[in-house]
Amino acid sequence: MGVGAAVRVHPRVALFAMLQGLAALQRGTFVVRRAGTDVVLFDPGVASARLALGVEVRLGEPR
């Protein structure tokens, strides 16, 4: 799921920002069993987020 916005600063140039998020309903943990003990190799988080920032430049005729 995500949300974003763009602000046009010139007819051909815009600045944008987007935030995406994800929540895990089920997570897989990778474990190695060694001599009666468990060694966790990978344990993913419950949630993650990504923020994207950028500049959009339109080439050609502005519409």
PDB file of N, CA and C in Angstrom:
ATOM      1  N   MET A   1       0.852  -1.167   0.000  1.00  0.00           N
ATOM      2  CA  MET A   1       0.000   0.000   0.000  1.00  0.00           C
ATOM      3  C   MET A   1       0.896   1.227   0.000  1.00  0.00           C
ATOM      4  N   GLY A   2       0.478   2.276  -0.691  1.00  0.00           N
ATOM      5  CA  GLY A   2       1.304   3.469  -0.753  1.00  0.00           C
ATOM      6  C   GLY A   2       0.503   4.718  -1.018  1.00  0.00           C
ATOM      7  N   VAL A   3       1.161   5.842  -0.792  1.00  0.00           N
ATOM      8  CA  VAL A   3       0.563   7.147  -1.035  1.00  0.00           C
ATOM      9  C   VAL A   3       1.672   8.054  -1.570  1.00  0.00           C
ATOM     10  N   GLY A   4       1.302   8.944  -2.482  1.00  0.00           N
ATOM     11  CA  GLY A   4       2.301   9.820  -3.069  1.00  0.00           C
ATOM     12  C   GLY A   4       1.723  11.148  -3.486  1.00  0.00           C
ATOM     13  N   ALA A   5       2.605  12.088  -3.769  1.00  0.00           N
ATOM     14  CA  ALA A   5       2.189  13.425  -4.212  1.00  0.00           C
ATOM     15  C   ALA A   5       3.267  13.984  -5.136  1.00  0.00           C
ATOM     16  N   ALA A   6       2.824  14.820  -6.070  1.00  0.00           N
ATOM     17  CA  ALA A   6       3.745  15.499  -6.984  1.00  0.00           C
ATOM     18  C   ALA A   6       3.383  16.974  -7.024  1.00  0.00           C
ATOM     19  N   VAL A   7       4.412  17.816  -7.047  1.00  0.00           N
ATOM     20  CA  VAL A   7       4.226  19.263  -7.122  1.00  0.00           C
ATOM     21  C   VAL A   7       4.954  19.758  -8.357  1.00  0.00           C
ATOM     22  N   ARG A   8       4.204  20.381  -9.256  1.00  0.00           N
ATOM     23  CA  ARG A   8       4.791  20.885 -10.485  1.00  0.00           C
ATOM     24  C   ARG A   8       5.398  22.265 -10.211  1.00  0.00           C
ATOM     25  N   VAL A   9       6.709  22.391 -10.444  1.00  0.00           N
ATOM     26  CA  VAL A   9       7.408  23.653 -10.213  1.00  0.00           C
ATOM     27  C   VAL A   9       7.661  24.404 -11.518  1.00  0.00           C
ATOM     28  N   HIS A  10       7.414  23.745 -12.625  1.00  0.00           N
ATOM     29  CA  HIS A  10       7.585  24.310 -13.970  1.00  0.00           C
ATOM     30  C   HIS A  10       6.732  23.436 -14.876  1.00  0.00           C
ATOM     31  N   PRO A  11       6.289  23.925 -16.043  1.00  0.00           N
ATOM     32  CA  PRO A  11       5.459  23.078 -16.909  1.00  0.00           C
ATOM     33  C   PRO A  11       6.101  21.730 -17.264  1.00  0.00           C
ATOM     34  N   ARG A  12       7.418  21.637 -17.221  1.00  0.00           N
ATOM     35  CA  ARG A  12       8.090  20.384 -17.571  1.00  0.00           C
ATOM     36  C   ARG A  12       8.790  19.701 -16.393  1.00  0.00           C
ATOM     37  N   VAL A  13       8.759  20.292 -15.218  1.00  0.00           N
ATOM     38  CA  VAL A  13       9.490  19.748 -14.065  1.00  0.00           C
ATOM     39  C   VAL A  13       8.547  19.611 -12.873  1.00  0.00           C
ATOM     40  N   ALA A  14       8.618  18.453 -12.208  1.00  0.00           N
ATOM     41  CA  ALA A  14       7.824  18.216 -11.007  1.00  0.00           C
ATOM     42  C   ALA A  14       8.687  17.509  -9.962  1.00  0.00           C
ATOM     43  N   LEU A  15       8.413  17.774  -8.696  1.00  0.00           N
ATOM     44  CA  LEU A  15       9.044  17.074  -7.580  1.00  0.00           C
ATOM     45  C   LEU A  15       8.017  16.106  -7.012  1.00  0.00           C
ATOM     46  N   PHE A  16       8.433  14.891  -6.678  1.00  0.00           N
ATOM     47  CA  PHE A  16       7.464  13.942  -6.139  1.00  0.00           C
ATOM     48  C   PHE A  16       8.029  13.214  -4.926  1.00  0.00           C
ATOM     49  N   ALA A  17       7.108  12.743  -4.101  1.00  0.00           N
ATOM     50  CA  ALA A  17       7.448  11.925  -2.935  1.00  0.00           C
ATOM     51  C   ALA A  17       6.408  10.822  -2.833  1.00  0.00           C
ATOM     52  N   MET A  18       6.860   9.632  -2.454  1.00  0.00           N
ATOM     53  CA  MET A  18       5.953   8.498  -2.327  1.00  0.00           C
ATOM     54  C   MET A  18       6.382   7.684  -1.107  1.00  0.00           C
ATOM     55  N   LEU A  19       5.399   7.263  -0.311  1.00  0.00           N
ATOM     56  CA  LEU A  19       5.644   6.420   0.854  1.00  0.00           C
ATOM     57  C   LEU A  19       4.871   5.123   0.686  1.00  0.00           C
ATOM     58  N   GLN A  20       5.574   4.003   0.797  1.00  0.00           N
ATOM     59  CA  GLN A  20       4.955   2.686   0.680  1.00  0.00           C
ATOM     60  C   GLN A  20       5.191   1.926   1.974  1.00  0.00           C
ATOM     61  N   GLY A  21       4.186   1.151   2.374  1.00  0.00           N
ATOM     62  CA  GLY A  21       4.307   0.369   3.591  1.00  0.00           C
ATOM     63  C   GLY A  21       3.812  -1.048   3.392  1.00  0.00           C
ATOM     64  N   LEU A  22       4.303  -1.951   4.228  1.00  0.00           N
ATOM     65  CA  LEU A  22       3.947  -3.360   4.131  1.00  0.00           C
ATOM     66  C   LEU A  22       3.952  -3.954   5.535  1.00  0.00           C
ATOM     67  N   ALA A  23       2.913  -4.719   5.842  1.00  0.00           N
ATOM     68  CA  ALA A  23       2.846  -5.445   7.113  1.00  0.00           C
ATOM     69  C   ALA A  23       2.756  -6.937   6.816  1.00  0.00           C
ATOM     70  N   ALA A  24       3.530  -7.726   7.527  1.00  0.00           N
ATOM     71  CA  ALA A  24       3.578  -9.165   7.297  1.00  0.00           C
ATOM     72  C   ALA A  24       2.493  -9.873   8.108  1.00  0.00           C
ATOM     73  N   LEU A  25       1.689 -10.682   7.432  1.00  0.00           N
ATOM     74  CA  LEU A  25       0.699 -11.497   8.123  1.00  0.00           C
ATOM     75  C   LEU A  25       1.335 -12.783   8.634  1.00  0.00           C
ATOM     76  N   GLN A  26       2.293 -13.296   7.883  1.00  0.00           N
ATOM     77  CA  GLN A  26       3.011 -14.504   8.283  1.00  0.00           C
ATOM     78  C   GLN A  26       4.470 -14.310   7.908  1.00  0.00           C
ATOM     79  N   ARG A  27       5.371 -14.626   8.816  1.00  0.00           N
ATOM     80  CA  ARG A  27       6.797 -14.426   8.578  1.00  0.00           C
ATOM     81  C   ARG A  27       7.518 -15.757   8.630  1.00  0.00           C
ATOM     82  N   GLY A  28       8.472 -15.935   7.742  1.00  0.00           N
ATOM     83  CA  GLY A  28       9.280 -17.149   7.739  1.00  0.00           C
ATOM     84  C   GLY A  28      10.645 -16.865   8.339  1.00  0.00           C
ATOM     85  N   THR A  29      11.017 -17.599   9.356  1.00  0.00           N
ATOM     86  CA  THR A  29      12.318 -17.454   9.998  1.00  0.00           C
ATOM     87  C   THR A  29      13.198 -18.629   9.583  1.00  0.00           C
ATOM     88  N   PHE A  30      14.446 -18.346   9.241  1.00  0.00           N
ATOM     89  CA  PHE A  30      15.391 -19.380   8.840  1.00  0.00           C
ATOM     90  C   PHE A  30      16.304 -19.703  10.014  1.00  0.00           C
ATOM     91  N   VAL A  31      16.301 -20.968  10.407  1.00  0.00           N
ATOM     92  CA  VAL A  31      17.032 -21.411  11.593  1.00  0.00           C
ATOM     93  C   VAL A  31      17.879 -22.629  11.243  1.00  0.00           C
ATOM     94  N   VAL A  32      19.097 -22.678  11.780  1.00  0.00           N
ATOM     95  CA  VAL A  32      19.960 -23.845  11.661  1.00  0.00           C
ATOM     96  C   VAL A  32      20.031 -24.479  13.044  1.00  0.00           C
ATOM     97  N   ARG A  33      19.750 -25.773  13.094  1.00  0.00           N
ATOM     98  CA  ARG A  33      19.824 -26.493  14.373  1.00  0.00           C
ATOM     99  C   ARG A  33      21.188 -27.164  14.466  1.00  0.00           C
ATOM    100  N   ARG A  34      21.888 -26.822  15.540  1.00  0.00           N
ATOM    101  CA  ARG A  34      23.240 -27.340  15.702  1.00  0.00           C
ATOM    102  C   ARG A  34      23.438 -27.779  17.155  1.00  0.00           C
ATOM    103  N   ALA A  35      23.648 -29.050  17.345  1.00  0.00           N
ATOM    104  CA  ALA A  35      23.948 -29.626  18.670  1.00  0.00           C
ATOM    105  C   ALA A  35      22.925 -29.204  19.729  1.00  0.00           C
ATOM    106  N   GLY A  36      21.661 -29.284  19.385  1.00  0.00           N
ATOM    107  CA  GLY A  36      20.611 -28.975  20.356  1.00  0.00           C
ATOM    108  C   GLY A  36      20.292 -27.507  20.519  1.00  0.00           C
ATOM    109  N   THR A  37      21.014 -26.613  19.829  1.00  0.00           N
ATOM    110  CA  THR A  37      20.717 -25.179  19.905  1.00  0.00           C
ATOM    111  C   THR A  37      20.294 -24.688  18.522  1.00  0.00           C
ATOM    112  N   ASP A  38      19.462 -23.684  18.513  1.00  0.00           N
ATOM    113  CA  ASP A  38      18.999 -23.080  17.265  1.00  0.00           C
ATOM    114  C   ASP A  38      19.777 -21.795  16.995  1.00  0.00           C
ATOM    115  N   VAL A  39      20.315 -21.675  15.784  1.00  0.00           N
ATOM    116  CA  VAL A  39      21.006 -20.461  15.355  1.00  0.00           C
ATOM    117  C   VAL A  39      20.133 -19.793  14.309  1.00  0.00           C
ATOM    118  N   VAL A  40      19.633 -18.600  14.616  1.00  0.00           N
ATOM    119  CA  VAL A  40      18.755 -17.869  13.700  1.00  0.00           C
ATOM    120  C   VAL A  40      19.604 -17.184  12.638  1.00  0.00           C
ATOM    121  N   LEU A  41      19.354 -17.514  11.372  1.00  0.00           N
ATOM    122  CA  LEU A  41      20.077 -16.901  10.258  1.00  0.00           C
ATOM    123  C   LEU A  41      19.373 -15.662   9.737  1.00  0.00           C
ATOM    124  N   PHE A  42      18.034 -15.713   9.706  1.00  0.00           N
ATOM    125  CA  PHE A  42      17.269 -14.588   9.175  1.00  0.00           C
ATOM    126  C   PHE A  42      15.918 -14.537   9.870  1.00  0.00           C
ATOM    127  N   ASP A  43      15.577 -13.370  10.412  1.00  0.00           N
ATOM    128  CA  ASP A  43      14.288 -13.158  11.077  1.00  0.00           C
ATOM    129  C   ASP A  43      13.725 -11.828  10.582  1.00  0.00           C
ATOM    130  N   PRO A  44      12.805 -11.848   9.604  1.00  0.00           N
ATOM    131  CA  PRO A  44      12.298 -10.604   9.030  1.00  0.00           C
ATOM    132  C   PRO A  44      11.446  -9.819  10.024  1.00  0.00           C
ATOM    133  N   GLY A  45      11.371  -8.527   9.809  1.00  0.00           N
ATOM    134  CA  GLY A  45      10.574  -7.659  10.669  1.00  0.00           C
ATOM    135  C   GLY A  45       9.083  -7.797  10.397  1.00  0.00           C
ATOM    136  N   VAL A  46       8.289  -7.223  11.289  1.00  0.00           N
ATOM    137  CA  VAL A  46       6.834  -7.283  11.172  1.00  0.00           C
ATOM    138  C   VAL A  46       6.344  -6.309  10.095  1.00  0.00           C
ATOM    139  N   ALA A  47       7.006  -5.180   9.966  1.00  0.00           N
ATOM    140  CA  ALA A  47       6.569  -4.160   9.004  1.00  0.00           C
ATOM    141  C   ALA A  47       7.787  -3.526   8.344  1.00  0.00           C
ATOM    142  N   SER A  48       7.554  -2.965   7.163  1.00  0.00           N
ATOM    143  CA  SER A  48       8.614  -2.234   6.479  1.00  0.00           C
ATOM    144  C   SER A  48       8.008  -1.054   5.742  1.00  0.00           C
ATOM    145  N   ALA A  49       8.847  -0.063   5.461  1.00  0.00           N
ATOM    146  CA  ALA A  49       8.394   1.132   4.757  1.00  0.00           C
ATOM    147  C   ALA A  49       9.496   1.585   3.798  1.00  0.00           C
ATOM    148  N   ARG A  50       9.069   2.244   2.723  1.00  0.00           N
ATOM    149  CA  ARG A  50      10.007   2.770   1.735  1.00  0.00           C
ATOM    150  C   ARG A  50       9.574   4.173   1.360  1.00  0.00           C
ATOM    151  N   LEU A  51      10.508   5.106   1.343  1.00  0.00           N
ATOM    152  CA  LEU A  51      10.255   6.480   0.947  1.00  0.00           C
ATOM    153  C   LEU A  51      11.021   6.756  -0.335  1.00  0.00           C
ATOM    154  N   ALA A  52      10.325   7.240  -1.349  1.00  0.00           N
ATOM    155  CA  ALA A  52      10.956   7.578  -2.625  1.00  0.00           C
ATOM    156  C   ALA A  52      10.772   9.068  -2.886  1.00  0.00           C
ATOM    157  N   LEU A  53      11.868   9.731  -3.208  1.00  0.00           N
ATOM    158  CA  LEU A  53      11.850  11.151  -3.564  1.00  0.00           C
ATOM    159  C   LEU A  53      12.461  11.286  -4.955  1.00  0.00           C
ATOM    160  N   GLY A  54      11.926  12.195  -5.760  1.00  0.00           N
ATOM    161  CA  GLY A  54      12.474  12.320  -7.093  1.00  0.00           C
ATOM    162  C   GLY A  54      12.072  13.581  -7.830  1.00  0.00           C
ATOM    163  N   VAL A  55      12.658  13.717  -8.992  1.00  0.00           N
ATOM    164  CA  VAL A  55      12.392  14.842  -9.891  1.00  0.00           C
ATOM    165  C   VAL A  55      11.926  14.230 -11.203  1.00  0.00           C
ATOM    166  N   GLU A  56      10.813  14.736 -11.698  1.00  0.00           N
ATOM    167  CA  GLU A  56      10.279  14.288 -12.984  1.00  0.00           C
ATOM    168  C   GLU A  56      10.503  15.387 -14.007  1.00  0.00           C
ATOM    169  N   VAL A  57      11.111  15.034 -15.137  1.00  0.00           N
ATOM    170  CA  VAL A  57      11.349  15.986 -16.214  1.00  0.00           C
ATOM    171  C   VAL A  57      10.638  15.468 -17.444  1.00  0.00           C
ATOM    172  N   ARG A  58       9.760  16.277 -18.008  1.00  0.00           N
ATOM    173  CA  ARG A  58       9.015  15.899 -19.219  1.00  0.00           C
ATOM    174  C   ARG A  58       9.720  16.473 -20.443  1.00  0.00           C
ATOM    175  N   LEU A  59      10.005  15.605 -21.392  1.00  0.00           N
ATOM    176  CA  LEU A  59      10.631  16.025 -22.632  1.00  0.00           C
ATOM    177  C   LEU A  59       9.574  16.157 -23.715  1.00  0.00           C
ATOM    178  N   GLY A  60       9.802  17.009 -24.681  1.00  0.00           N
ATOM    179  CA  GLY A  60       8.843  17.203 -25.759  1.00  0.00           C
ATOM    180  C   GLY A  60       7.872  18.315 -25.445  1.00  0.00           C
ATOM    181  N   GLU A  61       6.733  18.286 -26.113  1.00  0.00           N
ATOM    182  CA  GLU A  61       5.720  19.338 -25.940  1.00  0.00           C
ATOM    183  C   GLU A  61       5.004  19.184 -24.600  1.00  0.00           C
ATOM    184  N   PRO A  62       4.913  20.261 -23.788  1.00  0.00           N
ATOM    185  CA  PRO A  62       4.154  20.168 -22.524  1.00  0.00           C
ATOM    186  C   PRO A  62       2.666  20.052 -22.819  1.00  0.00           C
ATOM    187  N   ARG A  63       1.957  19.209 -22.052  1.00  0.00           N
ATOM    188  CA  ARG A  63       0.525  19.008 -22.274  1.00  0.00           C
ATOM    189  C   ARG A  63      -0.257  19.523 -21.115  1.00  0.00           C
TER     190      ARG A  63
END
